[in-house]
Amino acid sequence: MRVPTSGWSFRQVPGWSDDEQLQRFYGHYFRVDTMDEVHEFKPWATDGSEFARRLQASLEYFLEQQPASTRDWLDFTGYQFFSEAELYGFLLDVYNYFYGDRSELPVPPDPERLPPRDDDRFWSEWRPVGE
């Protein structure tokens, strides 16, 4: 696990230190090559097990507290969200798919999409020295 830049840590997620399966879920599911496989996790997320309860509590924690920055998320999972609204909107879709009334699969943002043009954090411009 990488060290987050904001001082926040996944270790603050309820149940995190007690459940390796929960750690694997976040570390595996929220990667570019696996985010479209959420339907494979739904049976485990809803089976009433201790893992299912911890997963639900962890998603509720994220949605209520919104503690992780997009940089924290990128550092841990390798997936780039361009705004907290995009990150937490997607987590809300995942939560509603597992525990709410959402029947369609959550669709993650396209990992090859361009960053917002109006946000300098994602763009740089080369200029010769002195200009």
N, C-alpha and C. Protein backbone atom coordinates (compact mmCIF):
# COMPACT_ATOMS: atom_id res chain seq x y z
N MET A 1 0.84 -1.16 0.00
CA MET A 1 0.00 0.00 0.00
C MET A 1 0.89 1.24 0.00
N ARG A 2 0.60 2.17 -0.88
CA ARG A 2 1.36 3.41 -0.94
C ARG A 2 0.90 4.37 0.15
N VAL A 3 1.73 5.29 0.48
CA VAL A 3 1.39 6.29 1.48
C VAL A 3 0.62 7.41 0.79
N PRO A 4 -0.57 7.74 1.26
CA PRO A 4 -1.33 8.81 0.63
C PRO A 4 -0.68 10.17 0.86
N THR A 5 -0.90 11.06 -0.08
CA THR A 5 -0.28 12.38 0.00
C THR A 5 -0.99 13.31 0.97
N SER A 6 -2.24 13.07 1.28
CA SER A 6 -3.01 13.99 2.12
C SER A 6 -2.92 13.69 3.60
N GLY A 7 -2.27 12.60 3.96
CA GLY A 7 -2.24 12.20 5.35
C GLY A 7 -3.38 11.25 5.70
N TRP A 8 -4.39 11.16 4.84
CA TRP A 8 -5.47 10.22 5.04
C TRP A 8 -4.98 8.83 4.64
N SER A 9 -5.55 7.79 5.23
CA SER A 9 -5.13 6.43 4.94
C SER A 9 -6.33 5.50 4.87
N PHE A 10 -6.25 4.50 4.00
CA PHE A 10 -7.29 3.48 3.93
C PHE A 10 -7.43 2.77 5.27
N ARG A 11 -6.40 2.79 6.09
CA ARG A 11 -6.48 2.15 7.41
C ARG A 11 -7.58 2.76 8.28
N GLN A 12 -8.04 3.96 7.92
CA GLN A 12 -9.11 4.61 8.67
C GLN A 12 -10.50 4.08 8.30
N VAL A 13 -10.59 3.28 7.25
CA VAL A 13 -11.86 2.71 6.81
C VAL A 13 -12.31 1.67 7.84
N PRO A 14 -13.56 1.74 8.28
CA PRO A 14 -14.04 0.75 9.26
C PRO A 14 -13.84 -0.68 8.77
N GLY A 15 -13.25 -1.50 9.63
CA GLY A 15 -13.02 -2.90 9.32
C GLY A 15 -11.79 -3.18 8.48
N TRP A 16 -11.10 -2.14 8.04
CA TRP A 16 -9.97 -2.31 7.13
C TRP A 16 -8.88 -3.20 7.72
N SER A 17 -8.46 -2.91 8.92
CA SER A 17 -7.35 -3.66 9.49
C SER A 17 -7.75 -5.08 9.89
N ASP A 18 -9.04 -5.36 9.98
CA ASP A 18 -9.53 -6.67 10.39
C ASP A 18 -9.86 -7.59 9.23
N ASP A 19 -9.86 -7.10 8.02
CA ASP A 19 -10.41 -7.89 6.92
C ASP A 19 -9.55 -7.79 5.66
N GLU A 20 -8.72 -8.80 5.44
CA GLU A 20 -7.90 -8.83 4.23
C GLU A 20 -8.75 -8.88 2.97
N GLN A 21 -9.90 -9.53 3.04
CA GLN A 21 -10.78 -9.63 1.88
C GLN A 21 -11.27 -8.23 1.48
N LEU A 22 -11.55 -7.38 2.46
CA LEU A 22 -11.96 -6.01 2.19
C LEU A 22 -10.83 -5.25 1.50
N GLN A 23 -9.62 -5.42 2.01
CA GLN A 23 -8.46 -4.78 1.39
C GLN A 23 -8.27 -5.25 -0.05
N ARG A 24 -8.43 -6.54 -0.27
CA ARG A 24 -8.28 -7.09 -1.63
C ARG A 24 -9.38 -6.56 -2.55
N PHE A 25 -10.60 -6.42 -2.03
CA PHE A 25 -11.69 -5.89 -2.85
C PHE A 25 -11.32 -4.51 -3.39
N TYR A 26 -10.93 -3.61 -2.51
CA TYR A 26 -10.60 -2.25 -2.95
C TYR A 26 -9.35 -2.25 -3.85
N GLY A 27 -8.36 -3.04 -3.48
CA GLY A 27 -7.13 -3.10 -4.27
C GLY A 27 -7.31 -3.76 -5.62
N HIS A 28 -8.28 -4.66 -5.73
CA HIS A 28 -8.50 -5.38 -6.99
C HIS A 28 -9.58 -4.73 -7.85
N TYR A 29 -10.72 -4.46 -7.26
CA TYR A 29 -11.85 -3.99 -8.06
C TYR A 29 -11.62 -2.60 -8.65
N PHE A 30 -11.02 -1.71 -7.93
CA PHE A 30 -10.87 -0.34 -8.39
C PHE A 30 -9.59 -0.12 -9.19
N ARG A 31 -9.31 -1.02 -10.10
CA ARG A 31 -8.20 -0.89 -11.04
C ARG A 31 -8.78 -0.77 -12.44
N VAL A 32 -8.01 -0.18 -13.33
CA VAL A 32 -8.47 0.06 -14.70
C VAL A 32 -8.96 -1.22 -15.36
N ASP A 33 -8.23 -2.32 -15.17
CA ASP A 33 -8.56 -3.54 -15.89
C ASP A 33 -9.65 -4.38 -15.24
N THR A 34 -10.16 -3.98 -14.08
CA THR A 34 -11.17 -4.80 -13.41
C THR A 34 -12.42 -4.05 -12.98
N MET A 35 -12.49 -2.74 -13.17
CA MET A 35 -13.64 -1.98 -12.68
C MET A 35 -14.95 -2.36 -13.34
N ASP A 36 -14.89 -2.96 -14.50
CA ASP A 36 -16.14 -3.36 -15.16
C ASP A 36 -16.61 -4.76 -14.74
N GLU A 37 -15.98 -5.32 -13.71
CA GLU A 37 -16.33 -6.65 -13.23
C GLU A 37 -17.09 -6.63 -11.91
N VAL A 38 -17.72 -5.52 -11.58
CA VAL A 38 -18.39 -5.39 -10.29
C VAL A 38 -19.48 -6.44 -10.12
N HIS A 39 -20.11 -6.84 -11.20
CA HIS A 39 -21.18 -7.84 -11.08
C HIS A 39 -20.68 -9.15 -10.48
N GLU A 40 -19.41 -9.45 -10.65
CA GLU A 40 -18.84 -10.68 -10.08
C GLU A 40 -18.74 -10.60 -8.55
N PHE A 41 -18.71 -9.40 -8.00
CA PHE A 41 -18.59 -9.22 -6.56
C PHE A 41 -19.95 -9.13 -5.86
N LYS A 42 -21.01 -8.88 -6.61
CA LYS A 42 -22.31 -8.66 -5.97
C LYS A 42 -22.75 -9.83 -5.08
N PRO A 43 -22.59 -11.09 -5.49
CA PRO A 43 -23.01 -12.18 -4.59
C PRO A 43 -22.31 -12.13 -3.23
N TRP A 44 -21.02 -11.81 -3.20
CA TRP A 44 -20.27 -11.73 -1.95
C TRP A 44 -20.64 -10.47 -1.17
N ALA A 45 -20.98 -9.42 -1.88
CA ALA A 45 -21.31 -8.15 -1.22
C ALA A 45 -22.66 -8.20 -0.53
N THR A 46 -23.48 -9.16 -0.88
CA THR A 46 -24.85 -9.19 -0.38
C THR A 46 -25.22 -10.50 0.32
N ASP A 47 -24.24 -11.33 0.64
CA ASP A 47 -24.55 -12.65 1.19
C ASP A 47 -24.73 -12.68 2.71
N GLY A 48 -24.66 -11.53 3.37
CA GLY A 48 -24.85 -11.48 4.82
C GLY A 48 -23.63 -11.85 5.64
N SER A 49 -22.51 -12.12 4.98
CA SER A 49 -21.29 -12.49 5.68
C SER A 49 -20.67 -11.28 6.38
N GLU A 50 -19.67 -11.55 7.20
CA GLU A 50 -18.93 -10.47 7.85
C GLU A 50 -18.29 -9.56 6.80
N PHE A 51 -17.75 -10.15 5.74
CA PHE A 51 -17.17 -9.34 4.65
C PHE A 51 -18.23 -8.43 4.06
N ALA A 52 -19.42 -8.96 3.78
CA ALA A 52 -20.49 -8.15 3.19
C ALA A 52 -20.85 -6.98 4.10
N ARG A 53 -20.93 -7.23 5.40
CA ARG A 53 -21.24 -6.15 6.34
C ARG A 53 -20.12 -5.10 6.37
N ARG A 54 -18.88 -5.57 6.35
CA ARG A 54 -17.76 -4.62 6.35
C ARG A 54 -17.68 -3.83 5.05
N LEU A 55 -17.95 -4.48 3.94
CA LEU A 55 -17.94 -3.78 2.66
C LEU A 55 -19.01 -2.70 2.64
N GLN A 56 -20.21 -3.03 3.10
CA GLN A 56 -21.28 -2.04 3.14
C GLN A 56 -20.90 -0.88 4.06
N ALA A 57 -20.37 -1.21 5.23
CA ALA A 57 -19.96 -0.15 6.17
C ALA A 57 -18.85 0.71 5.58
N SER A 58 -17.92 0.09 4.85
CA SER A 58 -16.83 0.88 4.27
C SER A 58 -17.33 1.81 3.18
N LEU A 59 -18.24 1.32 2.35
CA LEU A 59 -18.80 2.19 1.31
C LEU A 59 -19.62 3.33 1.93
N GLU A 60 -20.36 3.01 2.98
CA GLU A 60 -21.11 4.07 3.68
C GLU A 60 -20.16 5.10 4.28
N TYR A 61 -19.06 4.64 4.83
CA TYR A 61 -18.05 5.55 5.38
C TYR A 61 -17.53 6.48 4.28
N PHE A 62 -17.17 5.92 3.13
CA PHE A 62 -16.67 6.75 2.04
C PHE A 62 -17.72 7.77 1.61
N LEU A 63 -18.96 7.34 1.49
CA LEU A 63 -20.01 8.24 1.00
C LEU A 63 -20.36 9.32 2.03
N GLU A 64 -20.34 8.97 3.31
CA GLU A 64 -20.68 9.96 4.34
C GLU A 64 -19.52 10.90 4.64
N GLN A 65 -18.31 10.39 4.74
CA GLN A 65 -17.15 11.18 5.16
C GLN A 65 -16.39 11.80 3.99
N GLN A 66 -16.42 11.14 2.84
CA GLN A 66 -15.66 11.54 1.65
C GLN A 66 -14.22 11.91 2.03
N PRO A 67 -13.52 10.98 2.68
CA PRO A 67 -12.21 11.29 3.24
C PRO A 67 -11.05 11.26 2.26
N ALA A 68 -11.17 10.50 1.20
CA ALA A 68 -10.06 10.29 0.27
C ALA A 68 -10.10 11.31 -0.85
N SER A 69 -8.95 11.86 -1.16
CA SER A 69 -8.84 12.73 -2.33
C SER A 69 -8.68 11.87 -3.57
N THR A 70 -8.79 12.48 -4.71
CA THR A 70 -8.56 11.72 -5.95
C THR A 70 -7.12 11.23 -6.00
N ARG A 71 -6.21 11.98 -5.41
CA ARG A 71 -4.80 11.56 -5.36
C ARG A 71 -4.62 10.33 -4.46
N ASP A 72 -5.29 10.32 -3.31
CA ASP A 72 -5.25 9.15 -2.43
C ASP A 72 -5.74 7.92 -3.17
N TRP A 73 -6.85 8.09 -3.89
CA TRP A 73 -7.43 6.97 -4.63
C TRP A 73 -6.48 6.48 -5.70
N LEU A 74 -5.89 7.41 -6.43
CA LEU A 74 -4.92 7.06 -7.47
C LEU A 74 -3.71 6.35 -6.87
N ASP A 75 -3.20 6.85 -5.76
CA ASP A 75 -2.04 6.23 -5.12
C ASP A 75 -2.32 4.79 -4.72
N PHE A 76 -3.51 4.52 -4.22
CA PHE A 76 -3.82 3.17 -3.75
C PHE A 76 -4.26 2.23 -4.88
N THR A 77 -5.11 2.70 -5.77
CA THR A 77 -5.72 1.81 -6.77
C THR A 77 -5.11 1.94 -8.15
N GLY A 78 -4.50 3.08 -8.44
CA GLY A 78 -3.98 3.31 -9.79
C GLY A 78 -5.04 3.84 -10.75
N TYR A 79 -6.24 4.13 -10.25
CA TYR A 79 -7.31 4.64 -11.11
C TYR A 79 -7.48 6.12 -10.87
N GLN A 80 -7.49 6.89 -11.97
CA GLN A 80 -7.57 8.35 -11.89
C GLN A 80 -9.01 8.83 -12.03
N PHE A 81 -9.51 9.43 -10.97
CA PHE A 81 -10.75 10.21 -11.05
C PHE A 81 -10.31 11.66 -11.11
N PHE A 82 -10.98 12.48 -11.90
CA PHE A 82 -10.55 13.86 -12.07
C PHE A 82 -11.16 14.81 -11.04
N SER A 83 -12.16 14.35 -10.31
CA SER A 83 -12.74 15.20 -9.26
C SER A 83 -13.31 14.30 -8.17
N GLU A 84 -13.45 14.86 -6.99
CA GLU A 84 -14.08 14.12 -5.91
C GLU A 84 -15.53 13.79 -6.26
N ALA A 85 -16.20 14.69 -6.98
CA ALA A 85 -17.59 14.43 -7.40
C ALA A 85 -17.65 13.19 -8.28
N GLU A 86 -16.70 13.05 -9.18
CA GLU A 86 -16.66 11.88 -10.06
C GLU A 86 -16.38 10.61 -9.24
N LEU A 87 -15.42 10.68 -8.32
CA LEU A 87 -15.07 9.55 -7.47
C LEU A 87 -16.24 9.11 -6.62
N TYR A 88 -16.82 10.04 -5.87
CA TYR A 88 -17.87 9.67 -4.94
C TYR A 88 -19.19 9.39 -5.66
N GLY A 89 -19.39 9.96 -6.81
CA GLY A 89 -20.56 9.59 -7.63
C GLY A 89 -20.47 8.15 -8.08
N PHE A 90 -19.28 7.72 -8.47
CA PHE A 90 -19.11 6.33 -8.87
C PHE A 90 -19.28 5.40 -7.68
N LEU A 91 -18.71 5.75 -6.52
CA LEU A 91 -18.89 4.93 -5.33
C LEU A 91 -20.36 4.82 -4.94
N LEU A 92 -21.11 5.90 -5.12
CA LEU A 92 -22.55 5.86 -4.85
C LEU A 92 -23.24 4.89 -5.79
N ASP A 93 -22.85 4.89 -7.06
CA ASP A 93 -23.42 3.94 -8.02
C ASP A 93 -23.12 2.50 -7.61
N VAL A 94 -21.88 2.25 -7.16
CA VAL A 94 -21.51 0.90 -6.71
C VAL A 94 -22.35 0.52 -5.49
N TYR A 95 -22.46 1.44 -4.53
CA TYR A 95 -23.26 1.17 -3.33
C TYR A 95 -24.70 0.83 -3.71
N ASN A 96 -25.29 1.64 -4.56
CA ASN A 96 -26.69 1.42 -4.94
C ASN A 96 -26.87 0.14 -5.76
N TYR A 97 -25.85 -0.26 -6.48
CA TYR A 97 -25.90 -1.52 -7.21
C TYR A 97 -25.88 -2.71 -6.25
N PHE A 98 -25.05 -2.63 -5.23
CA PHE A 98 -24.97 -3.71 -4.24
C PHE A 98 -26.15 -3.69 -3.27
N TYR A 99 -26.49 -2.51 -2.74
CA TYR A 99 -27.40 -2.43 -1.59
C TYR A 99 -28.66 -1.62 -1.83
N GLY A 100 -28.76 -0.99 -2.97
CA GLY A 100 -29.93 -0.17 -3.26
C GLY A 100 -30.77 -0.79 -4.37
N ASP A 101 -31.41 0.08 -5.11
CA ASP A 101 -32.32 -0.39 -6.16
C ASP A 101 -31.75 -0.22 -7.57
N ARG A 102 -30.47 -0.01 -7.67
CA ARG A 102 -29.85 0.12 -8.99
C ARG A 102 -29.69 -1.26 -9.61
N SER A 103 -30.27 -1.48 -10.78
CA SER A 103 -30.18 -2.79 -11.43
C SER A 103 -29.09 -2.84 -12.50
N GLU A 104 -28.79 -1.69 -13.09
CA GLU A 104 -27.75 -1.68 -14.12
C GLU A 104 -26.37 -1.56 -13.48
N LEU A 105 -25.39 -2.12 -14.15
CA LEU A 105 -24.02 -2.07 -13.65
C LEU A 105 -23.51 -0.63 -13.60
N PRO A 106 -22.78 -0.27 -12.56
CA PRO A 106 -22.13 1.04 -12.54
C PRO A 106 -21.08 1.10 -13.65
N VAL A 107 -21.03 2.21 -14.33
CA VAL A 107 -20.06 2.37 -15.41
C VAL A 107 -18.97 3.32 -14.95
N PRO A 108 -17.74 2.80 -14.83
CA PRO A 108 -16.65 3.68 -14.41
C PRO A 108 -16.30 4.67 -15.52
N PRO A 109 -15.73 5.80 -15.16
CA PRO A 109 -15.27 6.73 -16.19
C PRO A 109 -14.24 6.06 -17.08
N ASP A 110 -14.25 6.41 -18.34
CA ASP A 110 -13.30 5.87 -19.30
C ASP A 110 -11.88 6.23 -18.85
N PRO A 111 -11.02 5.23 -18.63
CA PRO A 111 -9.67 5.54 -18.15
C PRO A 111 -8.82 6.29 -19.17
N GLU A 112 -9.25 6.31 -20.42
CA GLU A 112 -8.48 7.02 -21.45
C GLU A 112 -9.09 8.37 -21.80
N ARG A 113 -10.06 8.82 -21.00
CA ARG A 113 -10.67 10.12 -21.26
C ARG A 113 -9.63 11.21 -20.99
N LEU A 114 -9.81 12.33 -21.63
CA LEU A 114 -8.90 13.45 -21.41
C LEU A 114 -9.27 14.17 -20.12
N PRO A 115 -8.29 14.74 -19.46
CA PRO A 115 -8.59 15.52 -18.25
C PRO A 115 -9.40 16.76 -18.60
N PRO A 116 -10.06 17.34 -17.63
CA PRO A 116 -10.82 18.57 -17.88
C PRO A 116 -9.89 19.66 -18.41
N ARG A 117 -10.31 20.33 -19.44
CA ARG A 117 -9.47 21.37 -20.07
C ARG A 117 -9.32 22.60 -19.18
N ASP A 118 -10.25 22.80 -18.27
CA ASP A 118 -10.21 24.02 -17.46
C ASP A 118 -9.54 23.81 -16.10
N ASP A 119 -8.84 22.71 -15.93
CA ASP A 119 -8.20 22.43 -14.64
C ASP A 119 -6.69 22.28 -14.88
N ASP A 120 -5.93 23.27 -14.42
CA ASP A 120 -4.48 23.29 -14.65
C ASP A 120 -3.74 22.14 -13.98
N ARG A 121 -4.36 21.49 -12.99
CA ARG A 121 -3.67 20.38 -12.32
C ARG A 121 -3.35 19.24 -13.29
N PHE A 122 -4.07 19.13 -14.38
CA PHE A 122 -3.91 18.00 -15.28
C PHE A 122 -3.21 18.37 -16.60
N TRP A 123 -2.83 19.60 -16.73
CA TRP A 123 -2.19 20.04 -17.98
C TRP A 123 -0.89 20.77 -17.65
N SER A 124 0.08 20.58 -18.50
CA SER A 124 1.28 21.38 -18.38
C SER A 124 1.67 21.82 -19.78
N GLU A 125 2.41 22.88 -19.84
CA GLU A 125 2.79 23.44 -21.13
C GLU A 125 4.29 23.73 -21.09
N TRP A 126 4.99 23.26 -22.09
CA TRP A 126 6.42 23.52 -22.15
C TRP A 126 6.63 24.91 -22.74
N ARG A 127 7.50 25.67 -22.11
CA ARG A 127 7.86 26.99 -22.61
C ARG A 127 9.36 27.15 -22.52
N PRO A 128 9.98 27.74 -23.51
CA PRO A 128 11.43 27.98 -23.43
C PRO A 128 11.74 28.88 -22.24
N VAL A 129 12.91 28.72 -21.68
CA VAL A 129 13.33 29.54 -20.55
C VAL A 129 13.28 31.00 -20.95
N GLY A 130 12.77 31.83 -20.07
CA GLY A 130 12.69 33.27 -20.32
C GLY A 130 11.41 33.73 -20.97
N GLU A 131 10.50 32.83 -21.28
CA GLU A 131 9.22 33.25 -21.86
C GLU A 131 8.12 33.19 -20.85
